[in-house]
Every structure is written in structure tokens, then in C-alpha cells.
Amino acid sequence: MFNTLKKIIKYPRLTQDYPNIKDSTSASFLGQTVIDPGKCTFCGECALHCPSQAIIFDKSARAIGIDYAKCIFCVLCEEICPVSAVQTTNNFELAESDKVKLNPHDKKTTIINEDNLPDTSYETICRDLQANIKKIFGRSLQIREVDAGSCNGCDYEINALNNPFNDLERLGISFVASPRHADMLLVTGTGTRNMQQALIKTYQATPDPKLVVAVGACACSGGIFRDTYATNNGIDSLVPVDVYIPGCPPRPQAIIYGILKAIDRV
């Protein structure tokens, strides 16, 4: 008993309270990149050097924006901008159920929203979430992760969901080994030629009702591997997608936010 108390005092509770409270270290993470049209001189340097061609630039119309489905959050545009019109924020809650909303033609993509979730207690959020999952599925939410040809960056972040710091199971959500036991597929990668049939068969093996979440730039749009003979420009050309989570890779909290958004769709 004494040893147990000693351990509790020595190692305090480290599990985060997201989604109720954002991680206090979030300032050290890269999030949404925004361009200030008021400062921009429309020189086009950021669009010219963007490795994923995520910046949409029209000099004649003096219009510029970022397609977050393609953005890999490399901050190169911020570094090379001569007038400091590009800023990288720590806003990571960017998941959208409609891919069009990740495109700069939608005004919502230029808005940094720091209060995406209701301001309520952590216990209330967990209780309501678990009740919602139980109402829909009659039990906890089961997830099957599918690597459809990724670099494993997003997969590492998904693995981190199960560590003591993130502890996804506190929300009544767990991972399973078979798609036949799953309610949701977390898909990473572009859906390469060698993985197309595997992804489709995994989707078909998952019982209804089922959800599909595209995790990372590659799954959303093909990322830096788009427009090649061996990849797809996003997995939505192979299976229906309910929520898109941009990033390269998205941090664990961003994935949690996307999962919560997908549950609301059901």
C-alpha cells in the first residue's frame, strides 16, 4: 500500500483532458497555416515553392489561399514569405466532413476557431460521448486502422492514441484487429495500387453502419505523392469518406477531434 501511494505521488496523473482542455504544450506543435491578404503582395513565391502545391494563387485576381487537404504543414511558405504575410498557428482542429470546406474557396478555411467544442466539464463530455456511442452502436466504438500505403507518419500518431497520455479508451473508443468487428475505419496513405483491393475489401468486410475517416494529407488528397501512376489523389476515389483530417501527420488530438466529428455524422 505504501509503495502504491509513493508511486502516485511521484508520478502524477499525466493523461490529458482533451477535448475539454487543450494540451498546454500545443504552442510547440505546428497547426493551421493562414495567409493574411492584407499583408500579401501576391509575389507568388510561396505558391512557387510549395512542395505539395497546396497554395492556390491567382495574381490577376489578387486571390490566394491554402487547400488544407493538400497542405503538409511544412511551414516553408512562412519561411520564404518576404512580407511575413504567412503565419503558422497551433490550431489543429481542422477535420471536416465535407472536403470542399478544406479548400480556400470556402471562407471557413481562413477562420481560426479556438472554441470548436462546447465549454463544458471533462466528465460531462466523456459521459455524453459514451452515451452517444452506446445509443448508436449499443456498446463502445470499435476502430480498425488501415494503412493504405503511407510513410507510417500518421500511423505513429494513431498508435499514440493508446498511450497513457492520450488514452483514447477513456472516451469509450478502442481498436480491434478485424474489420468485421469494427464500426469505423481510420485510413492512412494514398491508397496505392498494391493496396487498392485490400482497402476496398476491408471496407466491404466492415458491417453497417460504418464510418471512414481519412487521416493525413495523403489520405485526403494524395499529399506529395498525388498525380503519380502508383497512387490515388485521396482514398475517396476508392471508398466513401465521412471525415477528412488534414496534416502531415496530424497530431493525436487532431485525430481525436476527427473521430468525434465522425460520430456526430452517424
Protein backbone atom coordinates (compact mmCIF):
# COMPACT_ATOMS: atom_id res chain seq x y z
CA MET A 1 0.00 0.00 0.00
CA PHE A 2 2.82 2.37 0.92
CA ASN A 3 4.59 1.68 -2.39
CA THR A 4 1.38 2.39 -4.31
CA LEU A 5 0.90 5.76 -2.61
CA LYS A 6 4.56 6.59 -3.17
CA LYS A 7 4.16 5.88 -6.90
CA ILE A 8 1.00 8.04 -7.14
CA ILE A 9 2.85 10.97 -5.52
CA LYS A 10 5.99 10.51 -7.60
CA TYR A 11 4.18 10.06 -10.92
CA PRO A 12 1.14 12.37 -11.06
CA ARG A 13 -1.74 11.89 -13.49
CA LEU A 14 -0.44 12.69 -16.97
CA THR A 15 -3.46 11.75 -19.07
CA GLN A 16 -4.67 14.83 -20.91
CA ASP A 17 -8.18 16.25 -20.58
CA TYR A 18 -8.74 16.82 -24.30
CA PRO A 19 -11.33 17.56 -25.71
CA ASN A 20 -12.32 19.62 -22.67
CA ILE A 21 -8.91 21.25 -22.22
CA LYS A 22 -6.37 21.69 -24.98
CA ASP A 23 -2.86 20.47 -24.31
CA SER A 24 -0.84 23.15 -22.56
CA THR A 25 2.12 22.35 -24.84
CA SER A 26 0.09 22.92 -28.02
CA ALA A 27 2.12 26.05 -28.76
CA SER A 28 5.07 23.81 -29.59
CA PHE A 29 3.11 21.98 -32.31
CA LEU A 30 2.52 23.08 -35.88
CA GLY A 31 -1.08 23.62 -36.91
CA GLN A 32 -3.08 25.57 -39.45
CA THR A 33 -1.18 27.91 -41.75
CA VAL A 34 -3.01 31.11 -42.71
CA ILE A 35 -2.27 33.85 -45.22
CA ASP A 36 -3.15 37.48 -44.48
CA PRO A 37 -4.44 39.02 -47.77
CA GLY A 38 -3.90 42.48 -46.30
CA LYS A 39 -0.14 41.93 -46.00
CA CYS A 40 0.31 39.74 -49.08
CA THR A 41 1.93 41.41 -52.11
CA PHE A 42 0.95 38.48 -54.36
CA CYS A 43 4.51 37.85 -55.42
CA GLY A 44 3.75 34.13 -55.73
CA GLU A 45 6.92 32.90 -54.02
CA CYS A 46 5.00 30.73 -51.54
CA ALA A 47 2.98 29.04 -54.28
CA LEU A 48 6.12 28.52 -56.38
CA HIS A 49 7.97 26.72 -53.58
CA CYS A 50 5.06 24.76 -52.02
CA PRO A 51 6.13 21.08 -52.22
CA SER A 52 2.55 19.77 -52.21
CA GLN A 53 1.08 22.51 -54.44
CA ALA A 54 -1.38 23.34 -51.68
CA ILE A 55 -1.30 27.11 -52.24
CA ILE A 56 -3.81 28.30 -54.82
CA PHE A 57 -2.64 31.57 -56.31
CA ASP A 58 -4.24 33.86 -58.89
CA LYS A 59 -2.19 37.01 -59.40
CA SER A 60 -4.60 38.63 -61.84
CA ALA A 61 -7.50 38.28 -59.41
CA ARG A 62 -5.22 39.03 -56.45
CA ALA A 63 -6.51 35.91 -54.71
CA ILE A 64 -4.56 33.44 -52.62
CA GLY A 65 -5.44 30.60 -50.27
CA ILE A 66 -4.39 27.20 -48.93
CA ASP A 67 -6.02 23.89 -49.72
CA TYR A 68 -5.67 22.19 -46.34
CA ALA A 69 -6.41 18.77 -47.82
CA LYS A 70 -3.05 19.05 -49.63
CA CYS A 71 -1.06 21.07 -47.07
CA ILE A 72 1.69 19.11 -45.29
CA PHE A 73 2.31 21.81 -42.65
CA CYS A 74 5.97 22.17 -43.62
CA VAL A 75 5.96 25.96 -42.86
CA LEU A 76 8.17 26.62 -45.90
CA CYS A 77 5.71 29.27 -47.11
CA GLU A 78 6.08 31.13 -43.82
CA GLU A 79 9.86 30.98 -44.01
CA ILE A 80 10.17 32.34 -47.55
CA CYS A 81 7.42 34.98 -47.45
CA PRO A 82 9.26 38.34 -47.82
CA VAL A 83 6.49 40.36 -46.12
CA SER A 84 5.57 37.93 -43.32
CA ALA A 85 2.03 37.52 -44.64
CA VAL A 86 2.02 33.79 -43.81
CA GLN A 87 1.57 32.63 -40.25
CA THR A 88 1.59 29.14 -38.77
CA THR A 89 -0.79 28.74 -35.83
CA ASN A 90 -1.23 25.92 -33.32
CA ASN A 91 -4.87 25.34 -34.31
CA PHE A 92 -5.18 21.63 -35.07
CA GLU A 93 -8.97 21.14 -35.02
CA LEU A 94 -9.30 21.15 -38.80
CA ALA A 95 -11.21 17.94 -39.56
CA GLU A 96 -14.17 18.39 -41.91
CA SER A 97 -16.94 16.10 -43.06
CA ASP A 98 -17.07 17.96 -46.39
CA LYS A 99 -13.77 18.01 -48.30
CA VAL A 100 -14.79 21.23 -50.05
CA LYS A 101 -14.51 23.06 -46.72
CA LEU A 102 -10.77 22.37 -46.69
CA ASN A 103 -10.46 24.36 -49.92
CA PRO A 104 -9.67 28.10 -49.79
CA HIS A 105 -12.72 28.92 -51.92
CA ASP A 106 -14.72 28.30 -48.73
CA LYS A 107 -14.35 31.28 -46.37
CA LYS A 108 -14.43 28.99 -43.35
CA THR A 109 -10.91 27.81 -44.09
CA THR A 110 -9.44 31.22 -43.25
CA ILE A 111 -11.10 31.38 -39.84
CA ILE A 112 -9.16 30.22 -36.77
CA ASN A 113 -11.75 28.87 -34.38
CA GLU A 114 -10.40 28.24 -30.89
CA ASP A 115 -13.76 27.10 -29.47
CA ASN A 116 -14.94 24.29 -31.71
CA LEU A 117 -16.33 22.27 -28.81
CA PRO A 118 -18.80 23.35 -26.08
CA ASP A 119 -17.31 24.78 -22.92
CA THR A 120 -18.40 22.05 -20.52
CA SER A 121 -16.74 19.83 -17.97
CA TYR A 122 -14.45 16.98 -18.96
CA GLU A 123 -16.62 14.47 -17.10
CA THR A 124 -19.76 15.69 -18.89
CA ILE A 125 -18.09 15.41 -22.30
CA CYS A 126 -16.94 11.84 -21.60
CA ARG A 127 -20.35 10.83 -20.24
CA ASP A 128 -22.28 12.34 -23.16
CA LEU A 129 -19.86 10.86 -25.69
CA GLN A 130 -20.08 7.38 -24.22
CA ALA A 131 -23.88 7.63 -24.06
CA ASN A 132 -23.99 8.73 -27.71
CA ILE A 133 -21.75 5.83 -28.79
CA LYS A 134 -23.80 3.34 -26.78
CA LYS A 135 -27.03 4.70 -28.24
CA ILE A 136 -25.74 4.27 -31.79
CA PHE A 137 -23.84 1.01 -31.52
CA GLY A 138 -25.10 -0.48 -28.27
CA ARG A 139 -21.51 -0.69 -26.94
CA SER A 140 -18.15 1.07 -27.19
CA LEU A 141 -16.92 2.32 -30.56
CA GLN A 142 -14.57 -0.13 -32.29
CA ILE A 143 -11.94 1.16 -34.75
CA ARG A 144 -9.85 -0.69 -37.32
CA GLU A 145 -6.77 1.18 -38.56
CA VAL A 146 -5.87 0.62 -42.24
CA ASP A 147 -2.53 1.55 -43.77
CA ALA A 148 -3.30 2.02 -47.47
CA GLY A 149 0.25 2.89 -48.47
CA SER A 150 1.56 5.55 -46.09
CA CYS A 151 5.03 6.55 -44.89
CA ASN A 152 3.90 5.45 -41.37
CA GLY A 153 3.98 9.01 -40.00
CA CYS A 154 0.20 9.08 -39.48
CA ASP A 155 0.27 5.51 -38.17
CA TYR A 156 2.70 6.51 -35.42
CA GLU A 157 0.29 9.27 -34.34
CA ILE A 158 -2.62 6.80 -34.34
CA ASN A 159 -0.57 4.42 -32.19
CA ALA A 160 -0.04 7.29 -29.76
CA LEU A 161 -3.80 7.43 -29.16
CA ASN A 162 -3.46 4.34 -26.98
CA ASN A 163 -0.61 5.54 -24.76
CA PRO A 164 -1.27 6.73 -21.17
CA PHE A 165 -1.02 10.37 -22.20
CA ASN A 166 -3.84 10.29 -24.78
CA ASP A 167 -5.71 7.19 -23.51
CA LEU A 168 -8.40 7.03 -26.19
CA GLU A 169 -10.24 4.28 -24.32
CA ARG A 170 -11.26 6.76 -21.60
CA LEU A 171 -13.79 8.02 -24.19
CA GLY A 172 -15.25 4.56 -24.78
CA ILE A 173 -13.30 4.04 -28.02
CA SER A 174 -10.98 1.11 -28.71
CA PHE A 175 -9.12 -0.56 -31.58
CA VAL A 176 -9.84 -4.03 -32.94
CA ALA A 177 -7.80 -6.42 -35.09
CA SER A 178 -10.53 -7.32 -37.59
CA PRO A 179 -12.70 -5.09 -39.81
CA ARG A 180 -15.59 -7.50 -39.08
CA HIS A 181 -15.59 -6.21 -35.50
CA ALA A 182 -15.19 -2.53 -36.46
CA ASP A 183 -17.56 0.41 -36.61
CA MET A 184 -15.02 2.85 -38.05
CA LEU A 185 -12.01 2.66 -40.36
CA LEU A 186 -9.09 5.03 -39.79
CA VAL A 187 -7.31 5.05 -43.14
CA THR A 188 -3.82 6.41 -43.78
CA GLY A 189 -1.90 6.59 -47.05
CA THR A 190 -2.88 7.41 -50.62
CA GLY A 191 -4.42 4.07 -51.50
CA THR A 192 -1.51 2.81 -53.61
CA ARG A 193 -2.03 0.41 -56.48
CA ASN A 194 -0.97 -2.54 -54.35
CA MET A 195 -3.38 -1.54 -51.55
CA GLN A 196 -6.47 -0.59 -53.53
CA GLN A 197 -8.13 -4.01 -53.41
CA ALA A 198 -7.10 -4.50 -49.79
CA LEU A 199 -8.77 -1.23 -48.78
CA ILE A 200 -11.94 -1.98 -50.74
CA LYS A 201 -12.20 -5.49 -49.28
CA THR A 202 -11.62 -4.14 -45.77
CA TYR A 203 -14.41 -1.62 -46.29
CA GLN A 204 -16.75 -4.32 -47.59
CA ALA A 205 -15.93 -6.58 -44.63
CA THR A 206 -16.88 -3.87 -42.12
CA PRO A 207 -20.54 -4.25 -41.06
CA ASP A 208 -23.04 -1.41 -41.37
CA PRO A 209 -23.39 1.20 -40.01
CA LYS A 210 -19.76 2.09 -40.63
CA LEU A 211 -17.69 5.22 -40.83
CA VAL A 212 -14.50 6.01 -42.76
CA VAL A 213 -12.04 8.67 -41.61
CA ALA A 214 -9.19 9.77 -43.90
CA VAL A 215 -6.15 10.56 -41.73
CA GLY A 216 -3.43 12.83 -43.12
CA ALA A 217 -2.77 14.71 -46.33
CA CYS A 218 -2.10 11.53 -48.32
CA ALA A 219 -5.46 10.01 -47.47
CA CYS A 220 -7.24 13.34 -48.02
CA SER A 221 -5.71 14.35 -51.35
CA GLY A 222 -2.66 12.23 -52.18
CA GLY A 223 -0.33 14.70 -50.46
CA ILE A 224 3.11 14.99 -52.00
CA PHE A 225 2.52 11.72 -53.86
CA ARG A 226 -0.52 12.93 -55.81
CA ASP A 227 -0.78 12.68 -59.61
CA THR A 228 1.51 9.65 -59.94
CA TYR A 229 0.85 6.33 -61.64
CA ALA A 230 1.10 4.34 -58.39
CA THR A 231 -1.17 6.38 -56.08
CA ASN A 232 -4.64 7.89 -55.79
CA ASN A 233 -5.41 11.51 -55.11
CA GLY A 234 -7.12 10.62 -51.86
CA ILE A 235 -8.89 7.46 -50.73
CA ASP A 236 -12.34 8.89 -51.51
CA SER A 237 -11.86 7.63 -55.07
CA LEU A 238 -11.92 4.09 -53.63
CA VAL A 239 -14.27 4.20 -50.63
CA PRO A 240 -16.75 6.76 -49.25
CA VAL A 241 -15.20 9.07 -46.66
CA ASP A 242 -17.13 10.62 -43.77
CA VAL A 243 -14.45 12.87 -42.28
CA TYR A 244 -11.14 14.25 -43.56
CA ILE A 245 -8.32 15.02 -41.10
CA PRO A 246 -5.59 17.14 -42.74
CA GLY A 247 -1.97 17.22 -41.62
CA CYS A 248 1.36 15.52 -42.30
CA PRO A 249 0.93 13.94 -39.89
CA PRO A 250 -1.99 15.21 -37.80
CA ARG A 251 -1.27 15.13 -34.08
CA PRO A 252 -3.21 12.69 -31.86
CA GLN A 253 -5.58 15.39 -30.60
CA ALA A 254 -6.45 16.31 -34.19
CA ILE A 255 -7.29 12.66 -34.86
CA ILE A 256 -9.47 12.54 -31.73
CA TYR A 257 -11.28 15.66 -32.95
CA GLY A 258 -11.89 13.99 -36.32
CA ILE A 259 -13.22 10.83 -34.67
CA LEU A 260 -15.64 12.88 -32.56
CA LYS A 261 -16.78 14.71 -35.69
CA ALA A 262 -17.40 11.40 -37.46
CA ILE A 263 -19.54 10.12 -34.59
CA ASP A 264 -21.75 13.19 -34.86
CA ARG A 265 -22.34 12.30 -38.53
CA VAL A 266 -23.88 8.98 -37.53
